[in-house]
Amino acid sequence: MDTKLTLKLDKKVIEKAKEYAAKQKISVSFIVENYLKAITSMEKSDQKEEIKISDFVNSIPVGNGEIPADFDFKKDRQEYLVEKYK
């Protein structure tokens, strides 16, 4: 059952939403309804902080994230540039 809802929003936001909806051939109500469904279903399933990471990103090797205290950034950058422009 559909029920009417009145919202107070910035005029520019409303205009952009209407333009977007027209281009997508959907209504602003449809956009708002689907957004509200999405955020309320995420809250129920405790997936708010859970973000799916693609297989490609997972395949990228990473270090342990620690940088030695005596690491010389300037020297490393200089060596990189010398090697790059050989």
C-alpha atoms as a PDB file:
ATOM      1  CA  MET A   1       0.000   0.000   0.000  1.00  0.00           C
ATOM      2  CA  ASP A   2       1.420   3.354  -1.009  1.00  0.00           C
ATOM      3  CA  THR A   3       1.300   6.248   1.435  1.00  0.00           C
ATOM      4  CA  LYS A   4       2.123   9.882   0.743  1.00  0.00           C
ATOM      5  CA  LEU A   5       5.227  11.396   2.393  1.00  0.00           C
ATOM      6  CA  THR A   6       6.182  15.079   2.408  1.00  0.00           C
ATOM      7  CA  LEU A   7       9.884  15.959   2.597  1.00  0.00           C
ATOM      8  CA  LYS A   8      11.679  19.297   2.939  1.00  0.00           C
ATOM      9  CA  LEU A   9      14.759  19.253   0.705  1.00  0.00           C
ATOM     10  CA  ASP A  10      17.050  21.791  -0.901  1.00  0.00           C
ATOM     11  CA  LYS A  11      15.540  23.113  -4.143  1.00  0.00           C
ATOM     12  CA  LYS A  12      18.663  22.293  -6.187  1.00  0.00           C
ATOM     13  CA  VAL A  13      18.688  18.726  -4.873  1.00  0.00           C
ATOM     14  CA  ILE A  14      15.069  18.295  -5.927  1.00  0.00           C
ATOM     15  CA  GLU A  15      15.762  19.704  -9.400  1.00  0.00           C
ATOM     16  CA  LYS A  16      18.748  17.403  -9.905  1.00  0.00           C
ATOM     17  CA  ALA A  17      16.785  14.419  -8.625  1.00  0.00           C
ATOM     18  CA  LYS A  18      13.966  15.162 -11.075  1.00  0.00           C
ATOM     19  CA  GLU A  19      16.437  15.495 -13.967  1.00  0.00           C
ATOM     20  CA  TYR A  20      18.111  12.224 -13.016  1.00  0.00           C
ATOM     21  CA  ALA A  21      14.768  10.446 -12.656  1.00  0.00           C
ATOM     22  CA  ALA A  22      13.611  11.704 -16.055  1.00  0.00           C
ATOM     23  CA  LYS A  23      16.822  10.483 -17.725  1.00  0.00           C
ATOM     24  CA  GLN A  24      16.464   7.085 -16.049  1.00  0.00           C
ATOM     25  CA  LYS A  25      12.722   6.998 -16.834  1.00  0.00           C
ATOM     26  CA  ILE A  26      11.823   6.438 -13.181  1.00  0.00           C
ATOM     27  CA  SER A  27      10.184   8.573 -10.516  1.00  0.00           C
ATOM     28  CA  VAL A  28      11.815  10.415  -7.627  1.00  0.00           C
ATOM     29  CA  SER A  29       9.514   8.427  -5.345  1.00  0.00           C
ATOM     30  CA  PHE A  30      10.977   5.208  -6.756  1.00  0.00           C
ATOM     31  CA  ILE A  31      14.522   6.450  -6.065  1.00  0.00           C
ATOM     32  CA  VAL A  32      13.707   7.457  -2.482  1.00  0.00           C
ATOM     33  CA  GLU A  33      11.806   4.239  -1.793  1.00  0.00           C
ATOM     34  CA  ASN A  34      14.649   2.042  -3.057  1.00  0.00           C
ATOM     35  CA  TYR A  35      17.223   4.048  -1.124  1.00  0.00           C
ATOM     36  CA  LEU A  36      15.236   3.673   2.089  1.00  0.00           C
ATOM     37  CA  LYS A  37      14.783  -0.055   1.455  1.00  0.00           C
ATOM     38  CA  ALA A  38      18.523  -0.446   0.926  1.00  0.00           C
ATOM     39  CA  ILE A  39      19.623   1.360   4.086  1.00  0.00           C
ATOM     40  CA  THR A  40      17.008  -0.269   6.284  1.00  0.00           C
ATOM     41  CA  SER A  41      17.818  -3.763   5.023  1.00  0.00           C
ATOM     42  CA  MET A  42      21.547  -3.150   5.625  1.00  0.00           C
ATOM     43  CA  GLU A  43      20.762  -2.130   9.189  1.00  0.00           C
ATOM     44  CA  LYS A  44      18.766  -5.302   9.813  1.00  0.00           C
ATOM     45  CA  SER A  45      21.482  -7.592   8.515  1.00  0.00           C
ATOM     46  CA  ASP A  46      24.365  -5.736  10.221  1.00  0.00           C
ATOM     47  CA  GLN A  47      26.105  -5.220   6.879  1.00  0.00           C
ATOM     48  CA  LYS A  48      26.538  -1.495   7.397  1.00  0.00           C
ATOM     49  CA  GLU A  49      30.315  -1.752   7.660  1.00  0.00           C
ATOM     50  CA  GLU A  50      30.703  -4.794   5.429  1.00  0.00           C
ATOM     51  CA  ILE A  51      31.909  -3.872   1.954  1.00  0.00           C
ATOM     52  CA  LYS A  52      32.382  -6.510  -0.731  1.00  0.00           C
ATOM     53  CA  ILE A  53      35.938  -6.457  -2.020  1.00  0.00           C
ATOM     54  CA  SER A  54      36.364  -7.638  -5.595  1.00  0.00           C
ATOM     55  CA  ASP A  55      38.494 -10.664  -6.464  1.00  0.00           C
ATOM     56  CA  PHE A  56      40.853  -8.378  -8.388  1.00  0.00           C
ATOM     57  CA  VAL A  57      41.551  -6.215  -5.343  1.00  0.00           C
ATOM     58  CA  ASN A  58      42.015  -9.304  -3.170  1.00  0.00           C
ATOM     59  CA  SER A  59      44.565 -10.633  -5.670  1.00  0.00           C
ATOM     60  CA  ILE A  60      46.885  -7.635  -5.200  1.00  0.00           C
ATOM     61  CA  PRO A  61      49.806  -8.607  -2.960  1.00  0.00           C
ATOM     62  CA  VAL A  62      50.387  -6.318   0.007  1.00  0.00           C
ATOM     63  CA  GLY A  63      53.093  -6.064   2.625  1.00  0.00           C
ATOM     64  CA  ASN A  64      52.593  -5.972   6.351  1.00  0.00           C
ATOM     65  CA  GLY A  65      52.160  -2.178   6.267  1.00  0.00           C
ATOM     66  CA  GLU A  66      55.102  -1.447   8.549  1.00  0.00           C
ATOM     67  CA  ILE A  67      57.857   0.969   7.530  1.00  0.00           C
ATOM     68  CA  PRO A  68      61.222   0.691   9.267  1.00  0.00           C
ATOM     69  CA  ALA A  69      62.081   3.637  11.531  1.00  0.00           C
ATOM     70  CA  ASP A  70      65.328   4.286   9.631  1.00  0.00           C
ATOM     71  CA  PHE A  71      63.705   4.266   6.166  1.00  0.00           C
ATOM     72  CA  ASP A  72      65.030   7.128   4.002  1.00  0.00           C
ATOM     73  CA  PHE A  73      62.167   8.306   1.799  1.00  0.00           C
ATOM     74  CA  LYS A  74      64.271  10.834  -0.116  1.00  0.00           C
ATOM     75  CA  LYS A  75      66.948   8.266  -0.945  1.00  0.00           C
ATOM     76  CA  ASP A  76      64.332   5.726  -2.030  1.00  0.00           C
ATOM     77  CA  ARG A  77      62.614   8.321  -4.240  1.00  0.00           C
ATOM     78  CA  GLN A  78      65.947   9.326  -5.775  1.00  0.00           C
ATOM     79  CA  GLU A  79      66.805   5.691  -6.552  1.00  0.00           C
ATOM     80  CA  TYR A  80      63.364   5.202  -8.077  1.00  0.00           C
ATOM     81  CA  LEU A  81      63.736   8.256 -10.347  1.00  0.00           C
ATOM     82  CA  VAL A  82      67.268   7.299 -11.424  1.00  0.00           C
ATOM     83  CA  GLU A  83      66.019   3.824 -12.365  1.00  0.00           C
ATOM     84  CA  LYS A  84      62.932   5.212 -14.091  1.00  0.00           C
ATOM     85  CA  TYR A  85      64.827   7.668 -16.309  1.00  0.00           C
ATOM     86  CA  LYS A  86      67.815   5.466 -17.229  1.00  0.00           C
END
